[in-house]
Amino acid sequence: MENDELIKSFFEDMRTKDQNLEIPEFPKPKTRSINWIIPVGIAASLFLAGFLFFEKEPVSETPAEVIIITLEEGPNDEQQFKIKESSYLDTWESGTSSLLTEF
């Protein structure tokens, strides 16, 4: 029992000493004004890199798919070759139309 009272008094003394202790305030970390510049710089460089790497290529004209060569008679019974470039969508002529015009 003596030991119990001795231990009890020891812890009570420690509690009273702890209540009288002055606890210093937790130091606040220093904030840098430069911390926000780094993410902004990374975002800006990625934005600019997007313009450099994903540049649109100029649209070129599609080449002619069909070359039509015709022989026509001009004035004074001259025959001339006329060359015309077009796509399949521009003109369409049925396969049997030449039978109607030639024969």
N, C-alpha and C. Protein backbone atom coordinates (compact mmCIF):
# COMPACT_ATOMS: atom_id res chain seq x y z
N MET A 1 0.79 -1.19 0.00
CA MET A 1 0.00 0.00 0.00
C MET A 1 0.84 1.26 0.00
N GLU A 2 1.93 1.15 0.69
CA GLU A 2 2.80 2.32 0.71
C GLU A 2 3.27 2.68 -0.68
N ASN A 3 3.56 1.64 -1.42
CA ASN A 3 4.03 1.88 -2.79
C ASN A 3 2.95 2.54 -3.63
N ASP A 4 1.71 2.16 -3.44
CA ASP A 4 0.60 2.76 -4.20
C ASP A 4 0.47 4.25 -3.88
N GLU A 5 0.57 4.59 -2.61
CA GLU A 5 0.46 5.99 -2.24
C GLU A 5 1.65 6.79 -2.75
N LEU A 6 2.80 6.18 -2.71
CA LEU A 6 4.02 6.84 -3.20
C LEU A 6 3.91 7.10 -4.70
N ILE A 7 3.41 6.15 -5.43
CA ILE A 7 3.25 6.32 -6.89
C ILE A 7 2.18 7.36 -7.18
N LYS A 8 1.11 7.33 -6.41
CA LYS A 8 0.03 8.29 -6.60
C LYS A 8 0.51 9.71 -6.34
N SER A 9 1.26 9.91 -5.29
CA SER A 9 1.77 11.24 -4.98
C SER A 9 2.79 11.71 -6.04
N PHE A 10 3.56 10.78 -6.57
CA PHE A 10 4.53 11.13 -7.60
C PHE A 10 3.82 11.67 -8.85
N PHE A 11 2.76 11.01 -9.26
CA PHE A 11 2.04 11.45 -10.47
C PHE A 11 1.26 12.74 -10.24
N GLU A 12 0.78 12.94 -9.02
CA GLU A 12 0.10 14.20 -8.72
C GLU A 12 1.07 15.36 -8.77
N ASP A 13 2.29 15.16 -8.28
CA ASP A 13 3.32 16.20 -8.36
C ASP A 13 3.65 16.51 -9.82
N MET A 14 3.71 15.49 -10.62
CA MET A 14 4.01 15.71 -12.04
C MET A 14 2.90 16.49 -12.72
N ARG A 15 1.64 16.23 -12.37
CA ARG A 15 0.51 16.96 -12.96
C ARG A 15 0.56 18.44 -12.60
N THR A 16 0.88 18.73 -11.35
CA THR A 16 0.95 20.14 -10.94
C THR A 16 2.10 20.85 -11.65
N LYS A 17 3.22 20.15 -11.82
CA LYS A 17 4.35 20.76 -12.54
C LYS A 17 3.99 20.98 -14.02
N ASP A 18 3.26 20.06 -14.60
CA ASP A 18 2.87 20.18 -16.00
C ASP A 18 1.89 21.35 -16.21
N GLN A 19 1.03 21.61 -15.25
CA GLN A 19 0.07 22.71 -15.38
C GLN A 19 0.77 24.07 -15.31
N ASN A 20 1.90 24.14 -14.66
CA ASN A 20 2.63 25.40 -14.53
C ASN A 20 3.60 25.66 -15.70
N LEU A 21 3.78 24.68 -16.55
CA LEU A 21 4.70 24.85 -17.68
C LEU A 21 4.12 25.82 -18.71
N GLU A 22 4.98 26.64 -19.29
CA GLU A 22 4.55 27.52 -20.37
C GLU A 22 4.83 26.82 -21.70
N ILE A 23 3.79 26.71 -22.47
CA ILE A 23 3.93 26.03 -23.76
C ILE A 23 4.12 27.09 -24.84
N PRO A 24 5.24 27.04 -25.56
CA PRO A 24 5.44 28.03 -26.61
C PRO A 24 4.52 27.74 -27.81
N GLU A 25 4.22 28.80 -28.55
CA GLU A 25 3.36 28.62 -29.73
C GLU A 25 4.14 27.89 -30.82
N PHE A 26 3.40 27.12 -31.57
CA PHE A 26 4.01 26.38 -32.66
C PHE A 26 4.45 27.37 -33.74
N PRO A 27 5.69 27.29 -34.15
CA PRO A 27 6.16 28.26 -35.15
C PRO A 27 5.47 28.03 -36.50
N LYS A 28 5.03 29.13 -37.10
CA LYS A 28 4.38 29.04 -38.40
C LYS A 28 5.45 28.95 -39.49
N PRO A 29 5.23 28.11 -40.47
CA PRO A 29 6.23 28.01 -41.54
C PRO A 29 6.24 29.28 -42.38
N LYS A 30 7.41 29.62 -42.83
CA LYS A 30 7.53 30.81 -43.67
C LYS A 30 6.98 30.48 -45.05
N THR A 31 6.07 31.31 -45.50
CA THR A 31 5.51 31.09 -46.83
C THR A 31 6.32 31.89 -47.83
N ARG A 32 6.62 31.24 -48.90
CA ARG A 32 7.37 31.91 -49.96
C ARG A 32 6.40 32.40 -51.01
N SER A 33 6.69 33.53 -51.56
CA SER A 33 5.85 34.03 -52.63
C SER A 33 6.22 33.38 -53.95
N ILE A 34 7.31 32.64 -53.97
CA ILE A 34 7.75 31.99 -55.20
C ILE A 34 7.06 30.66 -55.44
N ASN A 35 6.42 30.10 -54.45
CA ASN A 35 5.81 28.78 -54.58
C ASN A 35 4.72 28.73 -55.65
N TRP A 36 4.01 29.77 -55.90
CA TRP A 36 2.96 29.75 -56.90
C TRP A 36 3.52 29.97 -58.30
N ILE A 37 4.74 30.48 -58.42
CA ILE A 37 5.31 30.75 -59.73
C ILE A 37 5.66 29.46 -60.45
N ILE A 38 6.10 28.46 -59.75
CA ILE A 38 6.53 27.20 -60.37
C ILE A 38 5.38 26.50 -61.10
N PRO A 39 4.23 26.27 -60.47
CA PRO A 39 3.14 25.62 -61.22
C PRO A 39 2.62 26.47 -62.38
N VAL A 40 2.61 27.78 -62.20
CA VAL A 40 2.16 28.65 -63.29
C VAL A 40 3.14 28.56 -64.46
N GLY A 41 4.42 28.51 -64.18
CA GLY A 41 5.42 28.39 -65.24
C GLY A 41 5.31 27.07 -65.98
N ILE A 42 5.05 26.00 -65.25
CA ILE A 42 4.89 24.69 -65.90
C ILE A 42 3.65 24.69 -66.78
N ALA A 43 2.56 25.25 -66.30
CA ALA A 43 1.33 25.29 -67.09
C ALA A 43 1.52 26.14 -68.35
N ALA A 44 2.21 27.26 -68.22
CA ALA A 44 2.44 28.12 -69.38
C ALA A 44 3.33 27.44 -70.41
N SER A 45 4.35 26.74 -69.95
CA SER A 45 5.23 26.06 -70.91
C SER A 45 4.51 24.93 -71.62
N LEU A 46 3.63 24.20 -70.94
CA LEU A 46 2.85 23.16 -71.59
C LEU A 46 1.87 23.76 -72.59
N PHE A 47 1.31 24.89 -72.25
CA PHE A 47 0.37 25.57 -73.15
C PHE A 47 1.08 26.00 -74.43
N LEU A 48 2.27 26.57 -74.30
CA LEU A 48 3.03 26.99 -75.46
C LEU A 48 3.53 25.80 -76.27
N ALA A 49 3.90 24.73 -75.59
CA ALA A 49 4.35 23.53 -76.30
C ALA A 49 3.22 22.93 -77.11
N GLY A 50 2.00 23.08 -76.66
CA GLY A 50 0.86 22.60 -77.42
C GLY A 50 0.74 23.28 -78.75
N PHE A 51 1.04 24.59 -78.80
CA PHE A 51 0.99 25.31 -80.06
C PHE A 51 2.13 24.88 -80.98
N LEU A 52 3.27 24.56 -80.43
CA LEU A 52 4.41 24.20 -81.27
C LEU A 52 4.30 22.78 -81.82
N PHE A 53 3.85 21.85 -81.00
CA PHE A 53 3.82 20.46 -81.43
C PHE A 53 2.56 20.09 -82.20
N PHE A 54 1.47 20.75 -81.92
CA PHE A 54 0.22 20.40 -82.56
C PHE A 54 -0.21 21.47 -83.56
N GLU A 55 0.74 21.92 -84.34
CA GLU A 55 0.45 22.94 -85.34
C GLU A 55 -0.32 22.30 -86.49
N LYS A 56 -1.34 23.00 -86.96
CA LYS A 56 -2.15 22.47 -88.05
C LYS A 56 -1.35 22.55 -89.35
N GLU A 57 -1.45 21.48 -90.12
CA GLU A 57 -0.79 21.47 -91.40
C GLU A 57 -1.67 22.17 -92.42
N PRO A 58 -1.06 22.90 -93.35
CA PRO A 58 -1.88 23.57 -94.36
C PRO A 58 -2.60 22.55 -95.24
N VAL A 59 -3.82 22.89 -95.58
CA VAL A 59 -4.63 21.98 -96.39
C VAL A 59 -4.23 22.18 -97.85
N SER A 60 -3.82 21.11 -98.47
CA SER A 60 -3.44 21.20 -99.88
C SER A 60 -4.61 20.78 -100.74
N GLU A 61 -4.60 21.25 -101.97
CA GLU A 61 -5.68 20.89 -102.88
C GLU A 61 -5.54 19.43 -103.25
N THR A 62 -6.66 18.79 -103.41
CA THR A 62 -6.61 17.39 -103.80
C THR A 62 -6.22 17.30 -105.27
N PRO A 63 -5.39 16.37 -105.61
CA PRO A 63 -5.00 16.24 -107.02
C PRO A 63 -6.17 15.75 -107.86
N ALA A 64 -6.11 16.08 -109.12
CA ALA A 64 -7.18 15.64 -110.02
C ALA A 64 -7.15 14.13 -110.14
N GLU A 65 -8.31 13.56 -110.13
CA GLU A 65 -8.40 12.11 -110.20
C GLU A 65 -8.53 11.61 -111.64
N VAL A 66 -9.05 12.47 -112.50
CA VAL A 66 -9.31 12.07 -113.87
C VAL A 66 -8.77 13.12 -114.80
N ILE A 67 -8.11 12.68 -115.84
CA ILE A 67 -7.67 13.58 -116.90
C ILE A 67 -8.47 13.20 -118.14
N ILE A 68 -9.21 14.17 -118.68
CA ILE A 68 -10.05 13.93 -119.85
C ILE A 68 -9.37 14.58 -121.05
N ILE A 69 -9.05 13.77 -122.04
CA ILE A 69 -8.43 14.27 -123.26
C ILE A 69 -9.46 14.12 -124.39
N THR A 70 -9.80 15.22 -125.02
CA THR A 70 -10.78 15.18 -126.11
C THR A 70 -10.15 15.77 -127.38
N LEU A 71 -10.61 15.30 -128.50
CA LEU A 71 -10.16 15.79 -129.79
C LEU A 71 -11.34 16.54 -130.41
N GLU A 72 -11.15 17.83 -130.63
CA GLU A 72 -12.22 18.66 -131.16
C GLU A 72 -11.77 19.32 -132.47
N GLU A 73 -12.74 19.51 -133.31
CA GLU A 73 -12.45 20.21 -134.57
C GLU A 73 -12.68 21.69 -134.36
N GLY A 74 -11.70 22.46 -134.80
CA GLY A 74 -11.81 23.90 -134.69
C GLY A 74 -12.17 24.50 -136.05
N PRO A 75 -12.05 25.82 -136.16
CA PRO A 75 -12.32 26.45 -137.46
C PRO A 75 -11.27 25.99 -138.49
N ASN A 76 -11.61 26.03 -139.73
CA ASN A 76 -10.74 25.61 -140.84
C ASN A 76 -10.35 24.14 -140.73
N ASP A 77 -11.21 23.31 -140.21
CA ASP A 77 -11.01 21.87 -140.08
C ASP A 77 -9.72 21.51 -139.33
N GLU A 78 -9.35 22.31 -138.37
CA GLU A 78 -8.20 22.01 -137.52
C GLU A 78 -8.67 21.12 -136.37
N GLN A 79 -7.83 20.19 -136.03
CA GLN A 79 -8.16 19.33 -134.90
C GLN A 79 -7.25 19.71 -133.72
N GLN A 80 -7.87 19.86 -132.57
CA GLN A 80 -7.14 20.27 -131.38
C GLN A 80 -7.42 19.30 -130.24
N PHE A 81 -6.37 19.03 -129.47
CA PHE A 81 -6.53 18.24 -128.25
C PHE A 81 -6.86 19.19 -127.11
N LYS A 82 -7.87 18.86 -126.33
CA LYS A 82 -8.20 19.63 -125.13
C LYS A 82 -8.04 18.71 -123.93
N ILE A 83 -7.26 19.17 -122.96
CA ILE A 83 -6.99 18.37 -121.76
C ILE A 83 -7.68 19.04 -120.58
N LYS A 84 -8.47 18.26 -119.88
CA LYS A 84 -9.21 18.78 -118.73
C LYS A 84 -9.01 17.86 -117.55
N GLU A 85 -8.74 18.43 -116.39
CA GLU A 85 -8.60 17.66 -115.16
C GLU A 85 -9.87 17.83 -114.33
N SER A 86 -10.36 16.73 -113.82
CA SER A 86 -11.55 16.82 -112.96
C SER A 86 -11.55 15.62 -112.03
N SER A 87 -12.50 15.62 -111.15
CA SER A 87 -12.65 14.48 -110.25
C SER A 87 -13.85 13.67 -110.70
N TYR A 88 -13.97 12.48 -110.17
CA TYR A 88 -15.09 11.63 -110.54
C TYR A 88 -16.42 12.26 -110.17
N LEU A 89 -16.40 13.09 -109.17
CA LEU A 89 -17.65 13.69 -108.71
C LEU A 89 -18.10 14.84 -109.61
N ASP A 90 -17.17 15.42 -110.39
CA ASP A 90 -17.54 16.53 -111.27
C ASP A 90 -18.41 16.07 -112.43
N THR A 91 -17.96 15.04 -113.11
CA THR A 91 -18.69 14.59 -114.30
C THR A 91 -18.93 13.09 -114.20
N TRP A 92 -20.00 12.67 -114.82
CA TRP A 92 -20.29 11.26 -114.91
C TRP A 92 -20.92 11.00 -116.26
N GLU A 93 -20.42 9.99 -116.88
CA GLU A 93 -20.96 9.62 -118.19
C GLU A 93 -21.18 8.12 -118.18
N SER A 94 -22.33 7.71 -118.64
CA SER A 94 -22.62 6.28 -118.63
C SER A 94 -21.75 5.59 -119.67
N GLY A 95 -21.53 4.35 -119.46
CA GLY A 95 -20.68 3.57 -120.37
C GLY A 95 -21.27 3.42 -121.77
N THR A 96 -22.57 3.49 -121.87
CA THR A 96 -23.22 3.28 -123.19
C THR A 96 -23.51 4.58 -123.92
N SER A 97 -23.17 5.73 -123.35
CA SER A 97 -23.47 6.99 -124.02
C SER A 97 -22.67 7.16 -125.30
N SER A 98 -21.46 6.59 -125.34
CA SER A 98 -20.67 6.70 -126.56
C SER A 98 -21.32 5.96 -127.71
N LEU A 99 -22.11 4.92 -127.43
CA LEU A 99 -22.80 4.21 -128.50
C LEU A 99 -23.86 5.09 -129.14
N LEU A 100 -24.47 5.96 -128.37
CA LEU A 100 -25.51 6.84 -128.90
C LEU A 100 -24.92 7.95 -129.76
N THR A 101 -23.74 8.46 -129.35
CA THR A 101 -23.19 9.60 -130.08
C THR A 101 -22.32 9.21 -131.25
N GLU A 102 -21.64 8.09 -131.19
CA GLU A 102 -20.70 7.70 -132.24
C GLU A 102 -21.38 6.91 -133.35
N PHE A 103 -22.39 6.11 -133.06
CA PHE A 103 -22.97 5.26 -134.09
C PHE A 103 -24.32 5.75 -134.49
